[in-house]
Amino acid sequence: MPGIKLAKLPDRTPIKLAITVTPDLHRALSDYAAIYCQTYGTNEPISEIVPHMLESFLSADRGFQKARSSLHVDDT
């Protein structure tokens, strides 16, 4: 097989999660979606915005990143 620059693509199979949020959090998420729409001119449902919010939060959490890397030291 020829060597190519692009590595094998990761699993991209979506996983559906069902969560329950408080009314206050739901209002905040609804407000965020409204502000997102005002900012970008695109009406996105909360269910599409939240995964990106979580990904951004986790990637910015240096404590989490450090602790997570120690969980996977033996994974090869």
C-alpha atoms as a PDB file:
ATOM      1  CA  MET A   1       0.000   0.000   0.000  1.00  0.00           C
ATOM      2  CA  PRO A   2       1.462   3.394  -0.911  1.00  0.00           C
ATOM      3  CA  GLY A   3       2.236   5.774   1.939  1.00  0.00           C
ATOM      4  CA  ILE A   4      -0.056   8.753   1.934  1.00  0.00           C
ATOM      5  CA  LYS A   5       0.045  11.878   4.029  1.00  0.00           C
ATOM      6  CA  LEU A   6      -3.502  11.689   5.357  1.00  0.00           C
ATOM      7  CA  ALA A   7      -3.901   9.338   8.310  1.00  0.00           C
ATOM      8  CA  LYS A   8      -6.839   6.971   8.548  1.00  0.00           C
ATOM      9  CA  LEU A   9      -9.957   8.965   9.368  1.00  0.00           C
ATOM     10  CA  PRO A  10     -11.336   8.519  12.893  1.00  0.00           C
ATOM     11  CA  ASP A  11     -14.692   6.933  13.606  1.00  0.00           C
ATOM     12  CA  ARG A  12     -17.312   9.561  12.804  1.00  0.00           C
ATOM     13  CA  THR A  13     -20.388   7.535  13.700  1.00  0.00           C
ATOM     14  CA  PRO A  14     -22.654   9.883  15.649  1.00  0.00           C
ATOM     15  CA  ILE A  15     -23.692   8.828  19.134  1.00  0.00           C
ATOM     16  CA  LYS A  16     -27.039  10.121  20.350  1.00  0.00           C
ATOM     17  CA  LEU A  17     -27.225  11.253  23.958  1.00  0.00           C
ATOM     18  CA  ALA A  18     -30.389  12.197  25.785  1.00  0.00           C
ATOM     19  CA  ILE A  19     -29.994  14.637  28.666  1.00  0.00           C
ATOM     20  CA  THR A  20     -32.274  16.484  31.011  1.00  0.00           C
ATOM     21  CA  VAL A  21     -31.506  20.129  31.786  1.00  0.00           C
ATOM     22  CA  THR A  22     -32.943  22.596  34.245  1.00  0.00           C
ATOM     23  CA  PRO A  23     -35.391  25.236  33.014  1.00  0.00           C
ATOM     24  CA  ASP A  24     -32.756  27.925  33.661  1.00  0.00           C
ATOM     25  CA  LEU A  25     -30.175  26.098  31.550  1.00  0.00           C
ATOM     26  CA  HIS A  26     -32.722  25.576  28.787  1.00  0.00           C
ATOM     27  CA  ARG A  27     -33.494  29.311  28.750  1.00  0.00           C
ATOM     28  CA  ALA A  28     -29.770  30.104  28.633  1.00  0.00           C
ATOM     29  CA  LEU A  29     -29.245  27.683  25.744  1.00  0.00           C
ATOM     30  CA  SER A  30     -32.251  29.133  23.914  1.00  0.00           C
ATOM     31  CA  ASP A  31     -30.833  32.629  24.420  1.00  0.00           C
ATOM     32  CA  TYR A  32     -27.443  31.451  23.157  1.00  0.00           C
ATOM     33  CA  ALA A  33     -29.072  30.013  20.036  1.00  0.00           C
ATOM     34  CA  ALA A  34     -30.901  33.314  19.466  1.00  0.00           C
ATOM     35  CA  ILE A  35     -27.669  35.303  19.840  1.00  0.00           C
ATOM     36  CA  TYR A  36     -25.913  32.832  17.534  1.00  0.00           C
ATOM     37  CA  CYS A  37     -28.630  33.468  14.940  1.00  0.00           C
ATOM     38  CA  GLN A  38     -28.264  37.252  15.311  1.00  0.00           C
ATOM     39  CA  THR A  39     -24.493  36.955  14.989  1.00  0.00           C
ATOM     40  CA  TYR A  40     -24.266  34.557  12.037  1.00  0.00           C
ATOM     41  CA  GLY A  41     -27.681  34.886  10.375  1.00  0.00           C
ATOM     42  CA  THR A  42     -28.244  31.149  10.671  1.00  0.00           C
ATOM     43  CA  ASN A  43     -30.945  29.658  12.860  1.00  0.00           C
ATOM     44  CA  GLU A  44     -29.377  26.563  14.437  1.00  0.00           C
ATOM     45  CA  PRO A  45     -31.267  24.349  16.881  1.00  0.00           C
ATOM     46  CA  ILE A  46     -29.882  23.901  20.373  1.00  0.00           C
ATOM     47  CA  SER A  47     -29.247  20.235  19.588  1.00  0.00           C
ATOM     48  CA  GLU A  48     -26.774  21.293  16.877  1.00  0.00           C
ATOM     49  CA  ILE A  49     -25.043  23.964  18.952  1.00  0.00           C
ATOM     50  CA  VAL A  50     -24.534  22.056  22.218  1.00  0.00           C
ATOM     51  CA  PRO A  51     -22.100  19.411  20.864  1.00  0.00           C
ATOM     52  CA  HIS A  52     -19.838  22.192  19.562  1.00  0.00           C
ATOM     53  CA  MET A  53     -20.088  24.041  22.869  1.00  0.00           C
ATOM     54  CA  LEU A  54     -19.083  20.885  24.748  1.00  0.00           C
ATOM     55  CA  GLU A  55     -16.201  20.190  22.378  1.00  0.00           C
ATOM     56  CA  SER A  56     -14.938  23.758  22.780  1.00  0.00           C
ATOM     57  CA  PHE A  57     -15.262  23.579  26.564  1.00  0.00           C
ATOM     58  CA  LEU A  58     -13.391  20.286  26.808  1.00  0.00           C
ATOM     59  CA  SER A  59     -10.601  21.347  24.467  1.00  0.00           C
ATOM     60  CA  ALA A  60     -10.061  24.555  26.483  1.00  0.00           C
ATOM     61  CA  ASP A  61      -9.975  22.781  29.872  1.00  0.00           C
ATOM     62  CA  ARG A  62      -6.243  22.256  30.435  1.00  0.00           C
ATOM     63  CA  GLY A  63      -6.804  20.412  33.724  1.00  0.00           C
ATOM     64  CA  PHE A  64      -9.054  17.951  31.940  1.00  0.00           C
ATOM     65  CA  GLN A  65      -6.571  17.522  29.091  1.00  0.00           C
ATOM     66  CA  LYS A  66      -3.741  16.783  31.516  1.00  0.00           C
ATOM     67  CA  ALA A  67      -5.806  14.324  33.573  1.00  0.00           C
ATOM     68  CA  ARG A  68      -7.169  12.666  30.423  1.00  0.00           C
ATOM     69  CA  SER A  69      -3.705  12.118  28.974  1.00  0.00           C
ATOM     70  CA  SER A  70      -2.728  10.194  32.100  1.00  0.00           C
ATOM     71  CA  LEU A  71      -5.753   7.919  31.627  1.00  0.00           C
ATOM     72  CA  HIS A  72      -4.527   6.814  28.220  1.00  0.00           C
ATOM     73  CA  VAL A  73      -0.795   6.362  28.900  1.00  0.00           C
ATOM     74  CA  ASP A  74      -0.909   2.608  28.204  1.00  0.00           C
ATOM     75  CA  ASP A  75      -3.198   2.855  25.134  1.00  0.00           C
ATOM     76  CA  THR A  76      -1.266   2.061  21.962  1.00  0.00           C
END
